[in-house]
Amino acid sequence: MKDTGQGPQAWFDGEAGPVVRPYAMTRGRTGTGARHRLDLIALVIPEPAAERPGLDRKLSPEHVEIVERCVRTPQSIAELASGLDLPVGVIRVLVGDLLDDELVHVTRPVPPAELPDVNILREVINGLRAL
């Protein structure tokens, strides 16, 4: 910490400006609970109820920003973290709040085990060509 001339009471660097700790944005929470599994590539899509998020007084500025970014185009958890310059864990908690309030829904990626086998697809193509 640089000496800002304000004594030991200064908790931030004068050049960096004030800092909001991630746990302050999430009210000390570090997870979204077992209900929500938010992968990095899960897309966040706003619900019609989130048409004007800035008018909802219980939403923090970060919640509003997430909804507004996703209204323009659905974004993944990783894209939101990068765009808002916040840790992925914070984005997961904030998106979990939005899910609980039914302001967004999340599309989850298809697990690799559920994807069709490439060899089966090749066999089908070869069978169709033989017809």
N, C-alpha and C. Protein backbone atom coordinates (compact mmCIF):
# COMPACT_ATOMS: atom_id res chain seq x y z
N MET A 1 0.85 -1.18 0.00
CA MET A 1 0.00 0.00 0.00
C MET A 1 0.89 1.23 0.00
N LYS A 2 0.64 2.12 -0.91
CA LYS A 2 1.37 3.37 -0.96
C LYS A 2 0.96 4.26 0.19
N ASP A 3 1.91 5.07 0.62
CA ASP A 3 1.58 6.05 1.65
C ASP A 3 0.85 7.20 0.98
N THR A 4 -0.43 7.37 1.32
CA THR A 4 -1.24 8.42 0.72
C THR A 4 -1.25 9.67 1.58
N GLY A 5 -0.51 9.62 2.67
CA GLY A 5 -0.48 10.77 3.55
C GLY A 5 -1.69 10.86 4.46
N GLN A 6 -2.52 9.85 4.45
CA GLN A 6 -3.72 9.87 5.28
C GLN A 6 -3.57 8.96 6.49
N GLY A 7 -2.39 8.45 6.69
CA GLY A 7 -2.15 7.62 7.86
C GLY A 7 -2.64 6.20 7.67
N PRO A 8 -2.67 5.40 8.73
CA PRO A 8 -3.05 3.99 8.64
C PRO A 8 -4.53 3.77 8.35
N GLN A 9 -5.36 4.81 8.39
CA GLN A 9 -6.79 4.65 8.14
C GLN A 9 -7.11 4.43 6.67
N ALA A 10 -6.22 4.82 5.75
CA ALA A 10 -6.48 4.67 4.32
C ALA A 10 -6.36 3.20 3.94
N TRP A 11 -7.41 2.62 3.38
CA TRP A 11 -7.41 1.21 3.04
C TRP A 11 -7.27 0.99 1.55
N PHE A 12 -7.05 2.05 0.78
CA PHE A 12 -6.86 1.90 -0.66
C PHE A 12 -5.75 2.81 -1.14
N ASP A 13 -5.23 2.46 -2.26
CA ASP A 13 -4.18 3.23 -2.91
C ASP A 13 -4.82 4.44 -3.56
N GLY A 14 -4.26 5.60 -3.39
CA GLY A 14 -4.81 6.82 -3.95
C GLY A 14 -4.93 6.79 -5.46
N GLU A 15 -4.03 6.08 -6.13
CA GLU A 15 -4.08 5.99 -7.59
C GLU A 15 -5.15 5.00 -8.05
N ALA A 16 -5.44 4.00 -7.24
CA ALA A 16 -6.39 2.97 -7.64
C ALA A 16 -7.83 3.39 -7.41
N GLY A 17 -8.05 4.26 -6.47
CA GLY A 17 -9.41 4.66 -6.17
C GLY A 17 -10.04 3.69 -5.19
N PRO A 18 -11.30 3.91 -4.84
CA PRO A 18 -11.96 3.03 -3.87
C PRO A 18 -12.19 1.64 -4.46
N VAL A 19 -12.19 0.67 -3.59
CA VAL A 19 -12.33 -0.73 -4.01
C VAL A 19 -13.56 -1.32 -3.32
N VAL A 20 -14.39 -2.01 -4.09
CA VAL A 20 -15.51 -2.74 -3.50
C VAL A 20 -15.11 -4.21 -3.50
N ARG A 21 -15.07 -4.79 -2.36
CA ARG A 21 -14.69 -6.19 -2.25
C ARG A 21 -15.77 -7.08 -2.83
N PRO A 22 -15.38 -8.18 -3.49
CA PRO A 22 -16.37 -9.10 -4.06
C PRO A 22 -17.39 -9.61 -3.04
N TYR A 23 -16.95 -9.87 -1.81
CA TYR A 23 -17.91 -10.39 -0.82
C TYR A 23 -18.94 -9.34 -0.43
N ALA A 24 -18.65 -8.07 -0.67
CA ALA A 24 -19.65 -7.03 -0.40
C ALA A 24 -20.75 -7.08 -1.46
N MET A 25 -20.37 -7.38 -2.71
CA MET A 25 -21.36 -7.47 -3.79
C MET A 25 -22.28 -8.66 -3.62
N THR A 26 -21.75 -9.73 -3.03
CA THR A 26 -22.54 -10.96 -2.87
C THR A 26 -23.09 -11.11 -1.46
N ARG A 27 -22.92 -10.08 -0.64
CA ARG A 27 -23.36 -10.10 0.76
C ARG A 27 -22.76 -11.29 1.53
N GLY A 28 -21.51 -11.57 1.23
CA GLY A 28 -20.78 -12.62 1.94
C GLY A 28 -21.00 -14.02 1.43
N ARG A 29 -21.85 -14.19 0.44
CA ARG A 29 -22.14 -15.53 -0.08
C ARG A 29 -21.07 -15.92 -1.10
N THR A 30 -20.73 -17.19 -1.10
CA THR A 30 -19.71 -17.67 -2.04
C THR A 30 -20.26 -18.68 -3.03
N GLY A 31 -21.51 -19.07 -2.89
CA GLY A 31 -22.10 -20.04 -3.81
C GLY A 31 -23.56 -19.73 -4.06
N THR A 32 -24.11 -20.44 -5.04
CA THR A 32 -25.50 -20.23 -5.39
C THR A 32 -26.40 -21.33 -4.84
N GLY A 33 -25.85 -22.25 -4.10
CA GLY A 33 -26.64 -23.36 -3.59
C GLY A 33 -26.65 -24.50 -4.59
N ALA A 34 -27.20 -25.61 -4.18
CA ALA A 34 -27.21 -26.81 -5.03
C ALA A 34 -28.20 -26.68 -6.18
N ARG A 35 -29.13 -25.74 -6.09
CA ARG A 35 -30.17 -25.59 -7.12
C ARG A 35 -29.62 -25.18 -8.47
N HIS A 36 -28.62 -24.34 -8.47
CA HIS A 36 -28.11 -23.78 -9.71
C HIS A 36 -26.70 -24.29 -10.00
N ARG A 37 -26.55 -24.91 -11.14
CA ARG A 37 -25.22 -25.32 -11.59
C ARG A 37 -24.88 -24.44 -12.78
N LEU A 38 -23.96 -23.50 -12.57
CA LEU A 38 -23.65 -22.51 -13.58
C LEU A 38 -22.26 -22.75 -14.15
N ASP A 39 -22.22 -23.43 -15.30
CA ASP A 39 -20.96 -23.67 -15.98
C ASP A 39 -20.46 -22.37 -16.61
N LEU A 40 -19.19 -22.33 -16.94
CA LEU A 40 -18.62 -21.14 -17.57
C LEU A 40 -19.27 -20.84 -18.91
N ILE A 41 -19.71 -21.87 -19.62
CA ILE A 41 -20.28 -21.65 -20.95
C ILE A 41 -21.81 -21.61 -20.94
N ALA A 42 -22.42 -21.65 -19.76
CA ALA A 42 -23.87 -21.56 -19.67
C ALA A 42 -24.31 -20.16 -20.09
N LEU A 43 -25.32 -20.08 -20.97
CA LEU A 43 -25.80 -18.79 -21.46
C LEU A 43 -26.88 -18.24 -20.55
N VAL A 44 -26.77 -16.96 -20.24
CA VAL A 44 -27.75 -16.26 -19.41
C VAL A 44 -28.70 -15.51 -20.35
N ILE A 45 -30.00 -15.79 -20.23
CA ILE A 45 -31.01 -15.21 -21.11
C ILE A 45 -32.07 -14.55 -20.23
N PRO A 46 -32.35 -13.26 -20.45
CA PRO A 46 -33.34 -12.58 -19.61
C PRO A 46 -34.77 -13.06 -19.89
N GLU A 47 -35.58 -13.05 -18.86
CA GLU A 47 -37.00 -13.36 -18.96
C GLU A 47 -37.76 -12.08 -19.31
N PRO A 48 -38.98 -12.20 -19.82
CA PRO A 48 -39.78 -11.00 -20.11
C PRO A 48 -39.99 -10.11 -18.87
N ALA A 49 -39.99 -10.70 -17.68
CA ALA A 49 -40.18 -9.94 -16.44
C ALA A 49 -39.03 -8.97 -16.19
N ALA A 50 -37.90 -9.18 -16.86
CA ALA A 50 -36.72 -8.34 -16.66
C ALA A 50 -36.63 -7.23 -17.69
N GLU A 51 -37.76 -6.80 -18.20
CA GLU A 51 -37.77 -5.81 -19.28
C GLU A 51 -37.09 -4.50 -18.87
N ARG A 52 -37.32 -4.03 -17.65
CA ARG A 52 -36.71 -2.77 -17.19
C ARG A 52 -36.09 -3.00 -15.82
N PRO A 53 -34.90 -3.63 -15.78
CA PRO A 53 -34.30 -4.00 -14.50
C PRO A 53 -33.90 -2.81 -13.64
N GLY A 54 -33.63 -1.66 -14.25
CA GLY A 54 -33.21 -0.49 -13.49
C GLY A 54 -34.29 0.03 -12.56
N LEU A 55 -35.55 -0.33 -12.81
CA LEU A 55 -36.65 0.13 -11.96
C LEU A 55 -36.84 -0.71 -10.71
N ASP A 56 -36.23 -1.91 -10.69
CA ASP A 56 -36.35 -2.81 -9.54
C ASP A 56 -35.37 -2.36 -8.46
N ARG A 57 -35.89 -1.82 -7.38
CA ARG A 57 -35.03 -1.24 -6.34
C ARG A 57 -34.25 -2.27 -5.53
N LYS A 58 -34.67 -3.54 -5.57
CA LYS A 58 -33.94 -4.54 -4.78
C LYS A 58 -32.72 -5.08 -5.53
N LEU A 59 -32.57 -4.72 -6.80
CA LEU A 59 -31.41 -5.19 -7.57
C LEU A 59 -30.23 -4.24 -7.39
N SER A 60 -29.06 -4.82 -7.25
CA SER A 60 -27.84 -4.02 -7.16
C SER A 60 -27.46 -3.55 -8.57
N PRO A 61 -26.57 -2.57 -8.67
CA PRO A 61 -26.12 -2.13 -9.99
C PRO A 61 -25.50 -3.27 -10.82
N GLU A 62 -24.84 -4.21 -10.15
CA GLU A 62 -24.25 -5.34 -10.85
C GLU A 62 -25.33 -6.25 -11.44
N HIS A 63 -26.40 -6.49 -10.68
CA HIS A 63 -27.52 -7.29 -11.19
C HIS A 63 -28.12 -6.63 -12.43
N VAL A 64 -28.34 -5.33 -12.34
CA VAL A 64 -28.93 -4.58 -13.46
C VAL A 64 -28.02 -4.66 -14.68
N GLU A 65 -26.72 -4.51 -14.47
CA GLU A 65 -25.77 -4.56 -15.58
C GLU A 65 -25.77 -5.93 -16.26
N ILE A 66 -25.87 -6.99 -15.46
CA ILE A 66 -25.91 -8.35 -16.03
C ILE A 66 -27.14 -8.50 -16.92
N VAL A 67 -28.30 -8.09 -16.42
CA VAL A 67 -29.54 -8.22 -17.21
C VAL A 67 -29.45 -7.38 -18.48
N GLU A 68 -28.98 -6.15 -18.36
CA GLU A 68 -28.90 -5.27 -19.52
C GLU A 68 -27.94 -5.80 -20.58
N ARG A 69 -26.82 -6.38 -20.16
CA ARG A 69 -25.89 -6.96 -21.13
C ARG A 69 -26.51 -8.16 -21.85
N CYS A 70 -27.30 -8.94 -21.12
CA CYS A 70 -27.89 -10.14 -21.71
C CYS A 70 -29.11 -9.82 -22.57
N VAL A 71 -29.74 -8.66 -22.36
CA VAL A 71 -30.87 -8.26 -23.21
C VAL A 71 -30.37 -8.03 -24.63
N ARG A 72 -29.23 -7.38 -24.75
CA ARG A 72 -28.66 -7.11 -26.08
C ARG A 72 -28.33 -8.41 -26.79
N THR A 73 -27.66 -9.30 -26.10
CA THR A 73 -27.32 -10.62 -26.64
C THR A 73 -27.03 -11.55 -25.47
N PRO A 74 -27.59 -12.76 -25.46
CA PRO A 74 -27.30 -13.69 -24.37
C PRO A 74 -25.79 -13.89 -24.22
N GLN A 75 -25.33 -13.92 -22.98
CA GLN A 75 -23.91 -14.05 -22.71
C GLN A 75 -23.66 -15.20 -21.75
N SER A 76 -22.47 -15.78 -21.88
CA SER A 76 -22.09 -16.86 -20.98
C SER A 76 -21.60 -16.28 -19.66
N ILE A 77 -21.50 -17.14 -18.67
CA ILE A 77 -20.97 -16.74 -17.37
C ILE A 77 -19.56 -16.17 -17.54
N ALA A 78 -18.74 -16.82 -18.36
CA ALA A 78 -17.36 -16.36 -18.58
C ALA A 78 -17.34 -14.99 -19.25
N GLU A 79 -18.22 -14.77 -20.24
CA GLU A 79 -18.27 -13.47 -20.91
C GLU A 79 -18.70 -12.37 -19.95
N LEU A 80 -19.66 -12.66 -19.09
CA LEU A 80 -20.10 -11.67 -18.12
C LEU A 80 -18.98 -11.32 -17.15
N ALA A 81 -18.26 -12.33 -16.68
CA ALA A 81 -17.16 -12.09 -15.75
C ALA A 81 -16.09 -11.21 -16.40
N SER A 82 -15.79 -11.50 -17.64
CA SER A 82 -14.79 -10.72 -18.36
C SER A 82 -15.29 -9.30 -18.63
N GLY A 83 -16.52 -9.19 -19.12
CA GLY A 83 -17.07 -7.88 -19.47
C GLY A 83 -17.26 -6.95 -18.28
N LEU A 84 -17.60 -7.52 -17.13
CA LEU A 84 -17.82 -6.72 -15.93
C LEU A 84 -16.56 -6.62 -15.07
N ASP A 85 -15.51 -7.34 -15.47
CA ASP A 85 -14.25 -7.36 -14.72
C ASP A 85 -14.48 -7.78 -13.27
N LEU A 86 -15.23 -8.88 -13.13
CA LEU A 86 -15.51 -9.45 -11.82
C LEU A 86 -15.11 -10.91 -11.81
N PRO A 87 -14.78 -11.45 -10.63
CA PRO A 87 -14.46 -12.88 -10.55
C PRO A 87 -15.66 -13.74 -10.96
N VAL A 88 -15.38 -14.90 -11.53
CA VAL A 88 -16.44 -15.81 -11.97
C VAL A 88 -17.33 -16.20 -10.80
N GLY A 89 -16.77 -16.40 -9.63
CA GLY A 89 -17.56 -16.76 -8.46
C GLY A 89 -18.59 -15.71 -8.11
N VAL A 90 -18.24 -14.45 -8.24
CA VAL A 90 -19.18 -13.35 -7.97
C VAL A 90 -20.30 -13.37 -9.00
N ILE A 91 -19.95 -13.56 -10.27
CA ILE A 91 -20.96 -13.60 -11.33
C ILE A 91 -21.92 -14.76 -11.09
N ARG A 92 -21.39 -15.91 -10.67
CA ARG A 92 -22.27 -17.06 -10.40
C ARG A 92 -23.27 -16.74 -9.29
N VAL A 93 -22.83 -16.08 -8.25
CA VAL A 93 -23.74 -15.73 -7.14
C VAL A 93 -24.79 -14.73 -7.63
N LEU A 94 -24.36 -13.71 -8.38
CA LEU A 94 -25.29 -12.69 -8.86
C LEU A 94 -26.31 -13.27 -9.85
N VAL A 95 -25.85 -14.14 -10.74
CA VAL A 95 -26.77 -14.78 -11.69
C VAL A 95 -27.71 -15.72 -10.93
N GLY A 96 -27.22 -16.38 -9.89
CA GLY A 96 -28.08 -17.21 -9.05
C GLY A 96 -29.20 -16.40 -8.41
N ASP A 97 -28.88 -15.18 -7.97
CA ASP A 97 -29.91 -14.29 -7.43
C ASP A 97 -30.96 -13.98 -8.49
N LEU A 98 -30.50 -13.68 -9.70
CA LEU A 98 -31.42 -13.36 -10.80
C LEU A 98 -32.29 -14.57 -11.16
N LEU A 99 -31.72 -15.77 -11.07
CA LEU A 99 -32.49 -16.99 -11.31
C LEU A 99 -33.56 -17.16 -10.23
N ASP A 100 -33.19 -16.93 -8.99
CA ASP A 100 -34.15 -17.04 -7.88
C ASP A 100 -35.31 -16.06 -8.05
N ASP A 101 -35.01 -14.87 -8.56
CA ASP A 101 -36.04 -13.84 -8.78
C ASP A 101 -36.77 -14.03 -10.11
N GLU A 102 -36.40 -15.08 -10.85
CA GLU A 102 -37.01 -15.41 -12.15
C GLU A 102 -36.89 -14.26 -13.15
N LEU A 103 -35.74 -13.57 -13.12
CA LEU A 103 -35.48 -12.49 -14.07
C LEU A 103 -34.66 -12.99 -15.26
N VAL A 104 -33.99 -14.13 -15.09
CA VAL A 104 -33.22 -14.74 -16.19
C VAL A 104 -33.43 -16.25 -16.13
N HIS A 105 -33.09 -16.92 -17.22
CA HIS A 105 -32.95 -18.37 -17.20
C HIS A 105 -31.62 -18.70 -17.87
N VAL A 106 -31.15 -19.89 -17.61
CA VAL A 106 -29.82 -20.28 -18.07
C VAL A 106 -29.94 -21.55 -18.90
N THR A 107 -29.33 -21.53 -20.08
CA THR A 107 -29.26 -22.74 -20.88
C THR A 107 -27.95 -23.42 -20.55
N ARG A 108 -28.06 -24.67 -20.25
CA ARG A 108 -26.86 -25.42 -19.87
C ARG A 108 -26.32 -26.18 -21.08
N PRO A 109 -25.01 -26.30 -21.16
CA PRO A 109 -24.43 -27.06 -22.27
C PRO A 109 -24.79 -28.54 -22.18
N VAL A 110 -24.82 -29.20 -23.30
CA VAL A 110 -25.11 -30.63 -23.34
C VAL A 110 -23.88 -31.38 -22.81
N PRO A 111 -24.05 -32.26 -21.83
CA PRO A 111 -22.91 -33.04 -21.33
C PRO A 111 -22.33 -33.91 -22.44
N PRO A 112 -21.02 -34.06 -22.49
CA PRO A 112 -20.39 -34.86 -23.54
C PRO A 112 -20.94 -36.28 -23.63
N ALA A 113 -21.36 -36.84 -22.51
CA ALA A 113 -21.88 -38.22 -22.52
C ALA A 113 -23.20 -38.31 -23.29
N GLU A 114 -23.92 -37.20 -23.42
CA GLU A 114 -25.20 -37.21 -24.11
C GLU A 114 -25.09 -36.85 -25.59
N LEU A 115 -23.91 -36.44 -26.02
CA LEU A 115 -23.72 -36.11 -27.43
C LEU A 115 -23.66 -37.39 -28.25
N PRO A 116 -24.15 -37.36 -29.48
CA PRO A 116 -24.09 -38.56 -30.31
C PRO A 116 -22.64 -38.93 -30.65
N ASP A 117 -22.40 -40.21 -30.75
CA ASP A 117 -21.07 -40.71 -31.09
C ASP A 117 -20.79 -40.40 -32.56
N VAL A 118 -19.60 -39.89 -32.83
CA VAL A 118 -19.21 -39.52 -34.19
C VAL A 118 -19.23 -40.74 -35.11
N ASN A 119 -18.82 -41.88 -34.61
CA ASN A 119 -18.81 -43.09 -35.43
C ASN A 119 -20.23 -43.49 -35.87
N ILE A 120 -21.19 -43.34 -34.99
CA ILE A 120 -22.57 -43.66 -35.35
C ILE A 120 -23.06 -42.71 -36.44
N LEU A 121 -22.74 -41.43 -36.29
CA LEU A 121 -23.14 -40.46 -37.32
C LEU A 121 -22.52 -40.79 -38.67
N ARG A 122 -21.26 -41.22 -38.67
CA ARG A 122 -20.61 -41.60 -39.94
C ARG A 122 -21.30 -42.80 -40.57
N GLU A 123 -21.68 -43.77 -39.73
CA GLU A 123 -22.37 -44.95 -40.23
C GLU A 123 -23.72 -44.58 -40.85
N VAL A 124 -24.43 -43.66 -40.22
CA VAL A 124 -25.72 -43.21 -40.74
C VAL A 124 -25.51 -42.51 -42.09
N ILE A 125 -24.53 -41.64 -42.17
CA ILE A 125 -24.23 -40.94 -43.43
C ILE A 125 -23.88 -41.95 -44.54
N ASN A 126 -23.02 -42.89 -44.20
CA ASN A 126 -22.63 -43.91 -45.20
C ASN A 126 -23.83 -44.74 -45.62
N GLY A 127 -24.72 -45.05 -44.67
CA GLY A 127 -25.93 -45.80 -45.02
C GLY A 127 -26.86 -45.01 -45.93
N LEU A 128 -26.97 -43.72 -45.67
CA LEU A 128 -27.81 -42.87 -46.52
C LEU A 128 -27.22 -42.74 -47.93
N ARG A 129 -25.90 -42.66 -48.01
CA ARG A 129 -25.25 -42.56 -49.31
C ARG A 129 -25.45 -43.85 -50.13
N ALA A 130 -25.50 -44.97 -49.41
CA ALA A 130 -25.66 -46.26 -50.10
C ALA A 130 -27.05 -46.42 -50.69
N LEU A 131 -28.02 -45.67 -50.20
CA LEU A 131 -29.38 -45.77 -50.72
C LEU A 131 -29.41 -45.17 -52.07
